[in-house]
C-alpha atoms as a PDB file:
ATOM      1  CA  UNK A   1      -7.730 -28.910  16.078  1.00  0.00           C
ATOM      2  CA  UNK A   2      -6.277 -31.469  13.753  1.00  0.00           C
ATOM      3  CA  UNK A   3      -3.557 -31.762  11.141  1.00  0.00           C
ATOM      4  CA  UNK A   4      -6.122 -31.383   8.318  1.00  0.00           C
ATOM      5  CA  UNK A   5      -7.012 -27.856   9.487  1.00  0.00           C
ATOM      6  CA  UNK A   6      -3.333 -27.017   9.722  1.00  0.00           C
ATOM      7  CA  UNK A   7      -2.668 -28.383   6.225  1.00  0.00           C
ATOM      8  CA  UNK A   8      -5.538 -26.260   4.874  1.00  0.00           C
ATOM      9  CA  UNK A   9      -4.002 -23.153   6.481  1.00  0.00           C
ATOM     10  CA  UNK A  10      -0.590 -24.115   5.080  1.00  0.00           C
ATOM     11  CA  UNK A  11      -2.097 -24.396   1.588  1.00  0.00           C
ATOM     12  CA  UNK A  12      -3.590 -20.909   1.780  1.00  0.00           C
ATOM     13  CA  UNK A  13      -0.257 -19.542   3.005  1.00  0.00           C
ATOM     14  CA  UNK A  14       1.493 -21.162   0.044  1.00  0.00           C
ATOM     15  CA  UNK A  15      -1.073 -19.494  -2.226  1.00  0.00           C
ATOM     16  CA  UNK A  16       0.361 -16.204  -0.905  1.00  0.00           C
ATOM     17  CA  UNK A  17       3.820 -17.321  -2.063  1.00  0.00           C
ATOM     18  CA  UNK A  18       5.058 -18.084   1.437  1.00  0.00           C
ATOM     19  CA  UNK A  19       7.199 -21.090   2.337  1.00  0.00           C
ATOM     20  CA  UNK A  20       5.616 -23.306   4.968  1.00  0.00           C
ATOM     21  CA  UNK A  21       7.026 -26.167   7.017  1.00  0.00           C
ATOM     22  CA  UNK A  22       4.389 -28.162   8.870  1.00  0.00           C
ATOM     23  CA  UNK A  23       5.449 -29.625  12.194  1.00  0.00           C
ATOM     24  CA  UNK A  24       2.476 -31.911  12.757  1.00  0.00           C
ATOM     25  CA  UNK A  25       3.307 -33.553  16.078  1.00  0.00           C
ATOM     26  CA  UNK A  26       3.252 -30.086  17.672  1.00  0.00           C
ATOM     27  CA  UNK A  27       0.484 -28.764  15.369  1.00  0.00           C
ATOM     28  CA  UNK A  28       2.740 -25.857  14.388  1.00  0.00           C
ATOM     29  CA  UNK A  29       3.640 -24.087  11.146  1.00  0.00           C
ATOM     30  CA  UNK A  30       6.896 -22.320  10.395  1.00  0.00           C
ATOM     31  CA  UNK A  31       6.135 -19.635   7.770  1.00  0.00           C
ATOM     32  CA  UNK A  32       8.834 -17.753   5.837  1.00  0.00           C
ATOM     33  CA  UNK A  33       8.734 -15.040   3.202  1.00  0.00           C
ATOM     34  CA  UNK A  34      11.048 -16.540   0.533  1.00  0.00           C
ATOM     35  CA  UNK A  35      12.039 -13.080  -0.717  1.00  0.00           C
ATOM     36  CA  UNK A  36      13.135 -12.047   2.775  1.00  0.00           C
ATOM     37  CA  UNK A  37      14.219 -15.171   4.654  1.00  0.00           C
ATOM     38  CA  UNK A  38      14.632 -13.269   7.898  1.00  0.00           C
ATOM     39  CA  UNK A  39      10.853 -12.686   7.987  1.00  0.00           C
ATOM     40  CA  UNK A  40       9.429 -15.754   9.678  1.00  0.00           C
ATOM     41  CA  UNK A  41       6.478 -16.543  11.855  1.00  0.00           C
ATOM     42  CA  UNK A  42       5.575 -19.551  13.955  1.00  0.00           C
ATOM     43  CA  UNK A  43       1.873 -20.358  13.931  1.00  0.00           C
ATOM     44  CA  UNK A  44       0.526 -22.604  16.670  1.00  0.00           C
ATOM     45  CA  UNK A  45      -2.851 -23.945  17.609  1.00  0.00           C
ATOM     46  CA  UNK A  46      -4.453 -22.680  20.787  1.00  0.00           C
ATOM     47  CA  UNK A  47      -7.665 -24.589  21.353  1.00  0.00           C
ATOM     48  CA  UNK A  48      -9.993 -23.638  18.505  1.00  0.00           C
ATOM     49  CA  UNK A  49      -7.802 -20.709  17.445  1.00  0.00           C
ATOM     50  CA  UNK A  50      -4.560 -20.054  15.618  1.00  0.00           C
ATOM     51  CA  UNK A  51      -1.969 -17.822  17.255  1.00  0.00           C
ATOM     52  CA  UNK A  52       1.618 -16.733  16.713  1.00  0.00           C
ATOM     53  CA  UNK A  53       4.273 -18.187  18.959  1.00  0.00           C
ATOM     54  CA  UNK A  54       4.064 -14.820  20.775  1.00  0.00           C
ATOM     55  CA  UNK A  55       0.378 -15.589  21.499  1.00  0.00           C
ATOM     56  CA  UNK A  56      -0.944 -12.955  19.092  1.00  0.00           C
ATOM     57  CA  UNK A  57      -4.387 -14.129  18.003  1.00  0.00           C
ATOM     58  CA  UNK A  58      -4.692 -14.955  14.281  1.00  0.00           C
ATOM     59  CA  UNK A  59      -8.215 -16.337  14.039  1.00  0.00           C
ATOM     60  CA  UNK A  60     -10.570 -19.287  14.396  1.00  0.00           C
ATOM     61  CA  UNK A  61     -10.449 -22.802  13.097  1.00  0.00           C
ATOM     62  CA  UNK A  62     -12.611 -23.050   9.990  1.00  0.00           C
ATOM     63  CA  UNK A  63     -11.504 -19.607   8.789  1.00  0.00           C
ATOM     64  CA  UNK A  64      -8.131 -20.668   7.433  1.00  0.00           C
ATOM     65  CA  UNK A  65      -8.275 -18.422   4.343  1.00  0.00           C
ATOM     66  CA  UNK A  66      -8.824 -15.301   6.454  1.00  0.00           C
ATOM     67  CA  UNK A  67      -6.084 -16.405   8.856  1.00  0.00           C
ATOM     68  CA  UNK A  68      -3.654 -16.910   5.958  1.00  0.00           C
ATOM     69  CA  UNK A  69      -4.511 -13.453   4.597  1.00  0.00           C
ATOM     70  CA  UNK A  70      -3.760 -11.905   7.994  1.00  0.00           C
ATOM     71  CA  UNK A  71      -0.459 -13.768   8.380  1.00  0.00           C
ATOM     72  CA  UNK A  72       0.656 -12.758   4.870  1.00  0.00           C
ATOM     73  CA  UNK A  73      -0.245  -9.114   5.543  1.00  0.00           C
ATOM     74  CA  UNK A  74       1.696  -9.244   8.787  1.00  0.00           C
ATOM     75  CA  UNK A  75       4.818 -10.604   7.095  1.00  0.00           C
ATOM     76  CA  UNK A  76       4.559  -8.118   4.220  1.00  0.00           C
ATOM     77  CA  UNK A  77       3.991  -5.275   6.690  1.00  0.00           C
ATOM     78  CA  UNK A  78       7.230  -6.189   8.454  1.00  0.00           C
ATOM     79  CA  UNK A  79       9.317  -4.870   5.581  1.00  0.00           C
ATOM     80  CA  UNK A  80      10.852  -1.419   6.048  1.00  0.00           C
ATOM     81  CA  UNK A  81      10.059   1.213   3.444  1.00  0.00           C
ATOM     82  CA  UNK A  82      12.745   1.677   0.803  1.00  0.00           C
ATOM     83  CA  UNK A  83      15.052   4.626   1.261  1.00  0.00           C
ATOM     84  CA  UNK A  84      13.621   7.711  -0.352  1.00  0.00           C
ATOM     85  CA  UNK A  85      10.130   6.214  -0.665  1.00  0.00           C
ATOM     86  CA  UNK A  86       7.290   8.479   0.314  1.00  0.00           C
END
């Protein structure tokens, strides 16, 4: 895994409107939903795969778009439903 793959993933995450800080020496991304700053995720490399810092599998190298989609869905799915919403 190299920094180029990580930068590609970061670009796709930014396309989703997420803020991304790339920590290249560790090959790690810090991803934040700018609308809800408390929603963050650390993405690390694990061999040929991406994973959260909790070791939840995100996907394979070379499939950065699909990985970004999954990460964005995860962050969006972390929001509680509004009061009174059905």
